[in-house]
Amino acid sequence: LMVATNAHIGNYGVNEKEVESDGIKISGLICKNFSFNH
């Protein structure tokens, strides 16, 4: 379970070229501010 220490997560969206495997590998995410818009 990943805790993101950066205050904002999701602010620049997702780019398919910037992956390290075939999909998400963490079990879950814990963050402070989740950006629904990017």
ModelCIF file with pLDDT and N, C-alpha, C, O atoms, coordinates in Angstrom:
data_MODEL
#
_entry.id   MODEL 
#
_entity.id                         1 
_entity.type                       polymer 
_entity.pdbx_number_of_molecules   1 
#
_entity_poly.entity_id                      1 
_entity_poly.type                           'polypeptide(L)' 
_entity_poly.nstd_linkage                   no 
_entity_poly.nstd_monomer                   no 
_entity_poly.pdbx_seq_one_letter_code       LMVATNAHIGNYGVNEKEVESDGIKISGLICKNFSFNH 
_entity_poly.pdbx_seq_one_letter_code_can   LMVATNAHIGNYGVNEKEVESDGIKISGLICKNFSFNH 
_entity_poly.pdbx_strand_id                 A 
#
loop_
_entity_poly_seq.entity_id 
_entity_poly_seq.num 
_entity_poly_seq.mon_id 
_entity_poly_seq.hetero 
1 1  LEU n 
1 2  MET n 
1 3  VAL n 
1 4  ALA n 
1 5  THR n 
1 6  ASN n 
1 7  ALA n 
1 8  HIS n 
1 9  ILE n 
1 10 GLY n 
1 11 ASN n 
1 12 TYR n 
1 13 GLY n 
1 14 VAL n 
1 15 ASN n 
1 16 GLU n 
1 17 LYS n 
1 18 GLU n 
1 19 VAL n 
1 20 GLU n 
1 21 SER n 
1 22 ASP n 
1 23 GLY n 
1 24 ILE n 
1 25 LYS n 
1 26 ILE n 
1 27 SER n 
1 28 GLY n 
1 29 LEU n 
1 30 ILE n 
1 31 CYS n 
1 32 LYS n 
1 33 ASN n 
1 34 PHE n 
1 35 SER n 
1 36 PHE n 
1 37 ASN n 
1 38 HIS n 
#
_struct_asym.id          A 
_struct_asym.entity_id   1 
#
loop_
_ma_qa_metric.id 
_ma_qa_metric.mode 
_ma_qa_metric.name 
_ma_qa_metric.software_group_id 
_ma_qa_metric.type 
1 global pLDDT . pLDDT 
2 local  pLDDT . pLDDT 
#
_ma_qa_metric_global.metric_id      1 
_ma_qa_metric_global.metric_value   95.00 
_ma_qa_metric_global.model_id       1 
_ma_qa_metric_global.ordinal_id     1 
#
loop_
_ma_qa_metric_local.label_asym_id 
_ma_qa_metric_local.label_comp_id 
_ma_qa_metric_local.label_seq_id 
_ma_qa_metric_local.metric_id 
_ma_qa_metric_local.metric_value 
_ma_qa_metric_local.model_id 
_ma_qa_metric_local.ordinal_id 
A LEU 1  2 98.00 1 1  
A MET 2  2 97.00 1 2  
A VAL 3  2 98.00 1 3  
A ALA 4  2 96.00 1 4  
A THR 5  2 95.00 1 5  
A ASN 6  2 94.00 1 6  
A ALA 7  2 91.00 1 7  
A HIS 8  2 94.00 1 8  
A ILE 9  2 96.00 1 9  
A GLY 10 2 95.00 1 10 
A ASN 11 2 94.00 1 11 
A TYR 12 2 94.00 1 12 
A GLY 13 2 95.00 1 13 
A VAL 14 2 95.00 1 14 
A ASN 15 2 93.00 1 15 
A GLU 16 2 87.00 1 16 
A LYS 17 2 88.00 1 17 
A GLU 18 2 90.00 1 18 
A VAL 19 2 94.00 1 19 
A GLU 20 2 96.00 1 20 
A SER 21 2 96.00 1 21 
A ASP 22 2 95.00 1 22 
A GLY 23 2 95.00 1 23 
A ILE 24 2 97.00 1 24 
A LYS 25 2 98.00 1 25 
A ILE 26 2 98.00 1 26 
A SER 27 2 97.00 1 27 
A GLY 28 2 98.00 1 28 
A LEU 29 2 98.00 1 29 
A ILE 30 2 98.00 1 30 
A CYS 31 2 97.00 1 31 
A LYS 32 2 97.00 1 32 
A ASN 33 2 96.00 1 33 
A PHE 34 2 96.00 1 34 
A SER 35 2 95.00 1 35 
A PHE 36 2 94.00 1 36 
A ASN 37 2 92.00 1 37 
A HIS 38 2 93.00 1 38 
#
loop_
_atom_site.group_PDB 
_atom_site.id 
_atom_site.type_symbol 
_atom_site.label_atom_id 
_atom_site.label_alt_id 
_atom_site.label_comp_id 
_atom_site.label_asym_id 
_atom_site.label_entity_id 
_atom_site.label_seq_id 
_atom_site.pdbx_PDB_ins_code 
_atom_site.Cartn_x 
_atom_site.Cartn_y 
_atom_site.Cartn_z 
_atom_site.occupancy 
_atom_site.B_iso_or_equiv 
_atom_site.pdbx_formal_charge 
_atom_site.auth_seq_id 
_atom_site.auth_comp_id 
_atom_site.auth_asym_id 
_atom_site.auth_atom_id 
_atom_site.pdbx_PDB_model_num 
ATOM 1   N N  . LEU A 1 1  ? 0.866   -1.174 0.000   1.00 98.00 ? 1  LEU A N  1 
ATOM 2   C CA . LEU A 1 1  ? 0.000   0.000  0.000   1.00 98.00 ? 1  LEU A CA 1 
ATOM 3   C C  . LEU A 1 1  ? 0.902   1.223  0.000   1.00 98.00 ? 1  LEU A C  1 
ATOM 4   O O  . LEU A 1 1  ? 1.711   1.405  0.910   1.00 98.00 ? 1  LEU A O  1 
ATOM 5   N N  . MET A 1 2  ? 0.764   2.055  -1.013  1.00 97.00 ? 2  MET A N  1 
ATOM 6   C CA . MET A 1 2  ? 1.670   3.182  -1.192  1.00 97.00 ? 2  MET A CA 1 
ATOM 7   C C  . MET A 1 2  ? 1.102   4.454  -0.572  1.00 97.00 ? 2  MET A C  1 
ATOM 8   O O  . MET A 1 2  ? -0.030  4.851  -0.846  1.00 97.00 ? 2  MET A O  1 
ATOM 9   N N  . VAL A 1 3  ? 1.929   5.087  0.281   1.00 98.00 ? 3  VAL A N  1 
ATOM 10  C CA . VAL A 1 3  ? 1.611   6.410  0.804   1.00 98.00 ? 3  VAL A CA 1 
ATOM 11  C C  . VAL A 1 3  ? 2.412   7.416  -0.008  1.00 98.00 ? 3  VAL A C  1 
ATOM 12  O O  . VAL A 1 3  ? 3.642   7.366  -0.023  1.00 98.00 ? 3  VAL A O  1 
ATOM 13  N N  . ALA A 1 4  ? 1.720   8.332  -0.684  1.00 96.00 ? 4  ALA A N  1 
ATOM 14  C CA . ALA A 1 4  ? 2.388   9.374  -1.453  1.00 96.00 ? 4  ALA A CA 1 
ATOM 15  C C  . ALA A 1 4  ? 2.622   10.574 -0.550  1.00 96.00 ? 4  ALA A C  1 
ATOM 16  O O  . ALA A 1 4  ? 1.670   11.149 -0.023  1.00 96.00 ? 4  ALA A O  1 
ATOM 17  N N  . THR A 1 5  ? 3.890   10.960 -0.366  1.00 95.00 ? 5  THR A N  1 
ATOM 18  C CA . THR A 1 5  ? 4.173   12.108 0.497   1.00 95.00 ? 5  THR A CA 1 
ATOM 19  C C  . THR A 1 5  ? 3.987   13.429 -0.229  1.00 95.00 ? 5  THR A C  1 
ATOM 20  O O  . THR A 1 5  ? 3.804   14.464 0.413   1.00 95.00 ? 5  THR A O  1 
ATOM 21  N N  . ASN A 1 6  ? 4.030   13.413 -1.574  1.00 94.00 ? 6  ASN A N  1 
ATOM 22  C CA . ASN A 1 6  ? 3.732   14.629 -2.315  1.00 94.00 ? 6  ASN A CA 1 
ATOM 23  C C  . ASN A 1 6  ? 2.270   15.000 -2.076  1.00 94.00 ? 6  ASN A C  1 
ATOM 24  O O  . ASN A 1 6  ? 1.400   14.129 -2.068  1.00 94.00 ? 6  ASN A O  1 
ATOM 25  N N  . ALA A 1 7  ? 2.002   16.278 -1.882  1.00 91.00 ? 7  ALA A N  1 
ATOM 26  C CA . ALA A 1 7  ? 0.655   16.715 -1.493  1.00 91.00 ? 7  ALA A CA 1 
ATOM 27  C C  . ALA A 1 7  ? -0.390  16.501 -2.575  1.00 91.00 ? 7  ALA A C  1 
ATOM 28  O O  . ALA A 1 7  ? -1.572  16.344 -2.269  1.00 91.00 ? 7  ALA A O  1 
ATOM 29  N N  . HIS A 1 8  ? 0.033   16.492 -3.859  1.00 94.00 ? 8  HIS A N  1 
ATOM 30  C CA . HIS A 1 8  ? -0.925  16.380 -4.958  1.00 94.00 ? 8  HIS A CA 1 
ATOM 31  C C  . HIS A 1 8  ? -0.588  15.169 -5.829  1.00 94.00 ? 8  HIS A C  1 
ATOM 32  O O  . HIS A 1 8  ? 0.542   15.016 -6.293  1.00 94.00 ? 8  HIS A O  1 
ATOM 33  N N  . ILE A 1 9  ? -1.576  14.325 -6.039  1.00 96.00 ? 9  ILE A N  1 
ATOM 34  C CA . ILE A 1 9  ? -1.426  13.152 -6.892  1.00 96.00 ? 9  ILE A CA 1 
ATOM 35  C C  . ILE A 1 9  ? -2.516  13.176 -7.959  1.00 96.00 ? 9  ILE A C  1 
ATOM 36  O O  . ILE A 1 9  ? -3.693  13.371 -7.656  1.00 96.00 ? 9  ILE A O  1 
ATOM 37  N N  . GLY A 1 10 ? -2.106  12.974 -9.215  1.00 95.00 ? 10 GLY A N  1 
ATOM 38  C CA . GLY A 1 10 ? -3.052  12.933 -10.316 1.00 95.00 ? 10 GLY A CA 1 
ATOM 39  C C  . GLY A 1 10 ? -3.139  14.205 -11.121 1.00 95.00 ? 10 GLY A C  1 
ATOM 40  O O  . GLY A 1 10 ? -3.887  14.274 -12.095 1.00 95.00 ? 10 GLY A O  1 
ATOM 41  N N  . ASN A 1 11 ? -2.374  15.229 -10.724 1.00 94.00 ? 11 ASN A N  1 
ATOM 42  C CA . ASN A 1 11 ? -2.524  16.541 -11.368 1.00 94.00 ? 11 ASN A CA 1 
ATOM 43  C C  . ASN A 1 11 ? -2.034  16.578 -12.805 1.00 94.00 ? 11 ASN A C  1 
ATOM 44  O O  . ASN A 1 11 ? -2.431  17.467 -13.558 1.00 94.00 ? 11 ASN A O  1 
ATOM 45  N N  . TYR A 1 12 ? -1.165  15.621 -13.217 1.00 94.00 ? 12 TYR A N  1 
ATOM 46  C CA . TYR A 1 12 ? -0.754  15.620 -14.622 1.00 94.00 ? 12 TYR A CA 1 
ATOM 47  C C  . TYR A 1 12 ? -1.247  14.375 -15.372 1.00 94.00 ? 12 TYR A C  1 
ATOM 48  O O  . TYR A 1 12 ? -0.722  14.036 -16.433 1.00 94.00 ? 12 TYR A O  1 
ATOM 49  N N  . GLY A 1 13 ? -2.245  13.707 -14.822 1.00 95.00 ? 13 GLY A N  1 
ATOM 50  C CA . GLY A 1 13 ? -2.893  12.612 -15.523 1.00 95.00 ? 13 GLY A CA 1 
ATOM 51  C C  . GLY A 1 13 ? -2.009  11.413 -15.757 1.00 95.00 ? 13 GLY A C  1 
ATOM 52  O O  . GLY A 1 13 ? -1.079  11.155 -14.994 1.00 95.00 ? 13 GLY A O  1 
ATOM 53  N N  . VAL A 1 14 ? -2.303  10.672 -16.824 1.00 95.00 ? 14 VAL A N  1 
ATOM 54  C CA . VAL A 1 14 ? -1.605  9.433  -17.146 1.00 95.00 ? 14 VAL A CA 1 
ATOM 55  C C  . VAL A 1 14 ? -1.175  9.449  -18.618 1.00 95.00 ? 14 VAL A C  1 
ATOM 56  O O  . VAL A 1 14 ? -1.953  9.818  -19.499 1.00 95.00 ? 14 VAL A O  1 
ATOM 57  N N  . ASN A 1 15 ? 0.059   9.049  -18.865 1.00 93.00 ? 15 ASN A N  1 
ATOM 58  C CA . ASN A 1 15 ? 0.590   8.922  -20.226 1.00 93.00 ? 15 ASN A CA 1 
ATOM 59  C C  . ASN A 1 15 ? 0.990   7.470  -20.429 1.00 93.00 ? 15 ASN A C  1 
ATOM 60  O O  . ASN A 1 15 ? 1.783   6.932  -19.657 1.00 93.00 ? 15 ASN A O  1 
ATOM 61  N N  . GLU A 1 16 ? 0.455   6.839  -21.446 1.00 87.00 ? 16 GLU A N  1 
ATOM 62  C CA . GLU A 1 16 ? 0.659   5.400  -21.650 1.00 87.00 ? 16 GLU A CA 1 
ATOM 63  C C  . GLU A 1 16 ? 2.118   5.033  -21.913 1.00 87.00 ? 16 GLU A C  1 
ATOM 64  O O  . GLU A 1 16 ? 2.487   3.865  -21.792 1.00 87.00 ? 16 GLU A O  1 
ATOM 65  N N  . LYS A 1 17 ? 2.959   6.018  -22.274 1.00 88.00 ? 17 LYS A N  1 
ATOM 66  C CA . LYS A 1 17 ? 4.366   5.733  -22.527 1.00 88.00 ? 17 LYS A CA 1 
ATOM 67  C C  . LYS A 1 17 ? 5.190   5.701  -21.242 1.00 88.00 ? 17 LYS A C  1 
ATOM 68  O O  . LYS A 1 17 ? 6.366   5.338  -21.273 1.00 88.00 ? 17 LYS A O  1 
ATOM 69  N N  . GLU A 1 18 ? 4.592   6.072  -20.121 1.00 90.00 ? 18 GLU A N  1 
ATOM 70  C CA . GLU A 1 18 ? 5.351   6.202  -18.880 1.00 90.00 ? 18 GLU A CA 1 
ATOM 71  C C  . GLU A 1 18 ? 4.974   5.127  -17.867 1.00 90.00 ? 18 GLU A C  1 
ATOM 72  O O  . GLU A 1 18 ? 4.722   5.415  -16.697 1.00 90.00 ? 18 GLU A O  1 
ATOM 73  N N  . VAL A 1 19 ? 4.942   3.899  -18.333 1.00 94.00 ? 19 VAL A N  1 
ATOM 74  C CA . VAL A 1 19 ? 4.639   2.779  -17.445 1.00 94.00 ? 19 VAL A CA 1 
ATOM 75  C C  . VAL A 1 19 ? 5.863   1.877  -17.340 1.00 94.00 ? 19 VAL A C  1 
ATOM 76  O O  . VAL A 1 19 ? 6.681   1.821  -18.258 1.00 94.00 ? 19 VAL A O  1 
ATOM 77  N N  . GLU A 1 20 ? 5.983   1.181  -16.231 1.00 96.00 ? 20 GLU A N  1 
ATOM 78  C CA . GLU A 1 20 ? 7.113   0.284  -16.001 1.00 96.00 ? 20 GLU A CA 1 
ATOM 79  C C  . GLU A 1 20 ? 6.725   -1.188 -16.136 1.00 96.00 ? 20 GLU A C  1 
ATOM 80  O O  . GLU A 1 20 ? 7.570   -2.073 -16.002 1.00 96.00 ? 20 GLU A O  1 
ATOM 81  N N  . SER A 1 21 ? 5.438   -1.445 -16.404 1.00 96.00 ? 21 SER A N  1 
ATOM 82  C CA . SER A 1 21 ? 4.979   -2.826 -16.573 1.00 96.00 ? 21 SER A CA 1 
ATOM 83  C C  . SER A 1 21 ? 3.639   -2.782 -17.303 1.00 96.00 ? 21 SER A C  1 
ATOM 84  O O  . SER A 1 21 ? 3.240   -1.745 -17.833 1.00 96.00 ? 21 SER A O  1 
ATOM 85  N N  . ASP A 1 22 ? 2.953   -3.920 -17.322 1.00 95.00 ? 22 ASP A N  1 
ATOM 86  C CA . ASP A 1 22 ? 1.696   -4.003 -18.052 1.00 95.00 ? 22 ASP A CA 1 
ATOM 87  C C  . ASP A 1 22 ? 0.497   -3.489 -17.287 1.00 95.00 ? 22 ASP A C  1 
ATOM 88  O O  . ASP A 1 22 ? -0.630  -3.603 -17.770 1.00 95.00 ? 22 ASP A O  1 
ATOM 89  N N  . GLY A 1 23 ? 0.706   -2.921 -16.099 1.00 95.00 ? 23 GLY A N  1 
ATOM 90  C CA . GLY A 1 23 ? -0.416  -2.390 -15.328 1.00 95.00 ? 23 GLY A CA 1 
ATOM 91  C C  . GLY A 1 23 ? -0.001  -1.975 -13.936 1.00 95.00 ? 23 GLY A C  1 
ATOM 92  O O  . GLY A 1 23 ? 1.171   -2.076 -13.572 1.00 95.00 ? 23 GLY A O  1 
ATOM 93  N N  . ILE A 1 24 ? -0.958  -1.508 -13.160 1.00 97.00 ? 24 ILE A N  1 
ATOM 94  C CA . ILE A 1 24 ? -0.696  -1.075 -11.791 1.00 97.00 ? 24 ILE A CA 1 
ATOM 95  C C  . ILE A 1 24 ? -0.289  -2.273 -10.939 1.00 97.00 ? 24 ILE A C  1 
ATOM 96  O O  . ILE A 1 24 ? -0.903  -3.337 -11.011 1.00 97.00 ? 24 ILE A O  1 
ATOM 97  N N  . LYS A 1 25 ? 0.746   -2.089 -10.139 1.00 98.00 ? 25 LYS A N  1 
ATOM 98  C CA . LYS A 1 25 ? 1.252   -3.181 -9.303  1.00 98.00 ? 25 LYS A CA 1 
ATOM 99  C C  . LYS A 1 25 ? 1.076   -2.929 -7.802  1.00 98.00 ? 25 LYS A C  1 
ATOM 100 O O  . LYS A 1 25 ? 1.109   -3.881 -7.023  1.00 98.00 ? 25 LYS A O  1 
ATOM 101 N N  . ILE A 1 26 ? 0.892   -1.680 -7.377  1.00 98.00 ? 26 ILE A N  1 
ATOM 102 C CA . ILE A 1 26 ? 0.656   -1.439 -5.963  1.00 98.00 ? 26 ILE A CA 1 
ATOM 103 C C  . ILE A 1 26 ? -0.697  -2.033 -5.572  1.00 98.00 ? 26 ILE A C  1 
ATOM 104 O O  . ILE A 1 26 ? -1.571  -2.211 -6.421  1.00 98.00 ? 26 ILE A O  1 
ATOM 105 N N  . SER A 1 27 ? -0.866  -2.339 -4.278  1.00 97.00 ? 27 SER A N  1 
ATOM 106 C CA . SER A 1 27 ? -2.132  -2.902 -3.810  1.00 97.00 ? 27 SER A CA 1 
ATOM 107 C C  . SER A 1 27 ? -3.187  -1.829 -3.601  1.00 97.00 ? 27 SER A C  1 
ATOM 108 O O  . SER A 1 27 ? -4.384  -2.094 -3.716  1.00 97.00 ? 27 SER A O  1 
ATOM 109 N N  . GLY A 1 28 ? -2.739  -0.608 -3.292  1.00 98.00 ? 28 GLY A N  1 
ATOM 110 C CA . GLY A 1 28 ? -3.655  0.498  -3.054  1.00 98.00 ? 28 GLY A CA 1 
ATOM 111 C C  . GLY A 1 28 ? -2.869  1.764  -2.807  1.00 98.00 ? 28 GLY A C  1 
ATOM 112 O O  . GLY A 1 28 ? -1.659  1.713  -2.588  1.00 98.00 ? 28 GLY A O  1 
ATOM 113 N N  . LEU A 1 29 ? -3.550  2.913  -2.840  1.00 98.00 ? 29 LEU A N  1 
ATOM 114 C CA . LEU A 1 29 ? -2.894  4.210  -2.684  1.00 98.00 ? 29 LEU A CA 1 
ATOM 115 C C  . LEU A 1 29 ? -3.521  5.006  -1.554  1.00 98.00 ? 29 LEU A C  1 
ATOM 116 O O  . LEU A 1 29 ? -4.739  5.014  -1.376  1.00 98.00 ? 29 LEU A O  1 
ATOM 117 N N  . ILE A 1 30 ? -2.658  5.680  -0.792  1.00 98.00 ? 30 ILE A N  1 
ATOM 118 C CA . ILE A 1 30 ? -3.075  6.591  0.276   1.00 98.00 ? 30 ILE A CA 1 
ATOM 119 C C  . ILE A 1 30 ? -2.442  7.940  -0.021  1.00 98.00 ? 30 ILE A C  1 
ATOM 120 O O  . ILE A 1 30 ? -1.222  8.023  -0.158  1.00 98.00 ? 30 ILE A O  1 
ATOM 121 N N  . CYS A 1 31 ? -3.237  8.997  -0.126  1.00 97.00 ? 31 CYS A N  1 
ATOM 122 C CA . CYS A 1 31 ? -2.682  10.300 -0.465  1.00 97.00 ? 31 CYS A CA 1 
ATOM 123 C C  . CYS A 1 31 ? -3.415  11.420 0.270   1.00 97.00 ? 31 CYS A C  1 
ATOM 124 O O  . CYS A 1 31 ? -4.428  11.192 0.931   1.00 97.00 ? 31 CYS A O  1 
ATOM 125 N N  . LYS A 1 32 ? -2.883  12.632 0.140   1.00 97.00 ? 32 LYS A N  1 
ATOM 126 C CA . LYS A 1 32 ? -3.497  13.803 0.761   1.00 97.00 ? 32 LYS A CA 1 
ATOM 127 C C  . LYS A 1 32 ? -4.544  14.415 -0.160  1.00 97.00 ? 32 LYS A C  1 
ATOM 128 O O  . LYS A 1 32 ? -5.730  14.431 0.172   1.00 97.00 ? 32 LYS A O  1 
ATOM 129 N N  . ASN A 1 33 ? -4.116  14.915 -1.310  1.00 96.00 ? 33 ASN A N  1 
ATOM 130 C CA . ASN A 1 33 ? -5.026  15.561 -2.259  1.00 96.00 ? 33 ASN A CA 1 
ATOM 131 C C  . ASN A 1 33 ? -5.031  14.798 -3.576  1.00 96.00 ? 33 ASN A C  1 
ATOM 132 O O  . ASN A 1 33 ? -4.001  14.696 -4.243  1.00 96.00 ? 33 ASN A O  1 
ATOM 133 N N  . PHE A 1 34 ? -6.166  14.272 -3.944  1.00 96.00 ? 34 PHE A N  1 
ATOM 134 C CA . PHE A 1 34 ? -6.292  13.547 -5.215  1.00 96.00 ? 34 PHE A CA 1 
ATOM 135 C C  . PHE A 1 34 ? -6.903  14.484 -6.247  1.00 96.00 ? 34 PHE A C  1 
ATOM 136 O O  . PHE A 1 34 ? -7.977  15.045 -6.034  1.00 96.00 ? 34 PHE A O  1 
ATOM 137 N N  . SER A 1 35 ? -6.201  14.647 -7.376  1.00 95.00 ? 35 SER A N  1 
ATOM 138 C CA . SER A 1 35 ? -6.657  15.556 -8.426  1.00 95.00 ? 35 SER A CA 1 
ATOM 139 C C  . SER A 1 35 ? -7.549  14.809 -9.413  1.00 95.00 ? 35 SER A C  1 
ATOM 140 O O  . SER A 1 35 ? -7.077  13.956 -10.164 1.00 95.00 ? 35 SER A O  1 
ATOM 141 N N  . PHE A 1 36 ? -8.834  15.134 -9.406  1.00 94.00 ? 36 PHE A N  1 
ATOM 142 C CA . PHE A 1 36 ? -9.764  14.511 -10.348 1.00 94.00 ? 36 PHE A CA 1 
ATOM 143 C C  . PHE A 1 36 ? -9.632  15.134 -11.736 1.00 94.00 ? 36 PHE A C  1 
ATOM 144 O O  . PHE A 1 36 ? -10.021 14.529 -12.735 1.00 94.00 ? 36 PHE A O  1 
ATOM 145 N N  . ASN A 1 37 ? -9.084  16.343 -11.792 1.00 92.00 ? 37 ASN A N  1 
ATOM 146 C CA . ASN A 1 37 ? -8.815  17.013 -13.057 1.00 92.00 ? 37 ASN A CA 1 
ATOM 147 C C  . ASN A 1 37 ? -7.309  17.069 -13.285 1.00 92.00 ? 37 ASN A C  1 
ATOM 148 O O  . ASN A 1 37 ? -6.536  17.144 -12.330 1.00 92.00 ? 37 ASN A O  1 
ATOM 149 N N  . HIS A 1 38 ? -6.892  17.033 -14.548 1.00 93.00 ? 38 HIS A N  1 
ATOM 150 C CA . HIS A 1 38 ? -5.472  17.117 -14.855 1.00 93.00 ? 38 HIS A CA 1 
ATOM 151 C C  . HIS A 1 38 ? -5.257  18.130 -15.972 1.00 93.00 ? 38 HIS A C  1 
ATOM 152 O O  . HIS A 1 38 ? -4.121  18.358 -16.389 1.00 93.00 ? 38 HIS A O  1 
#
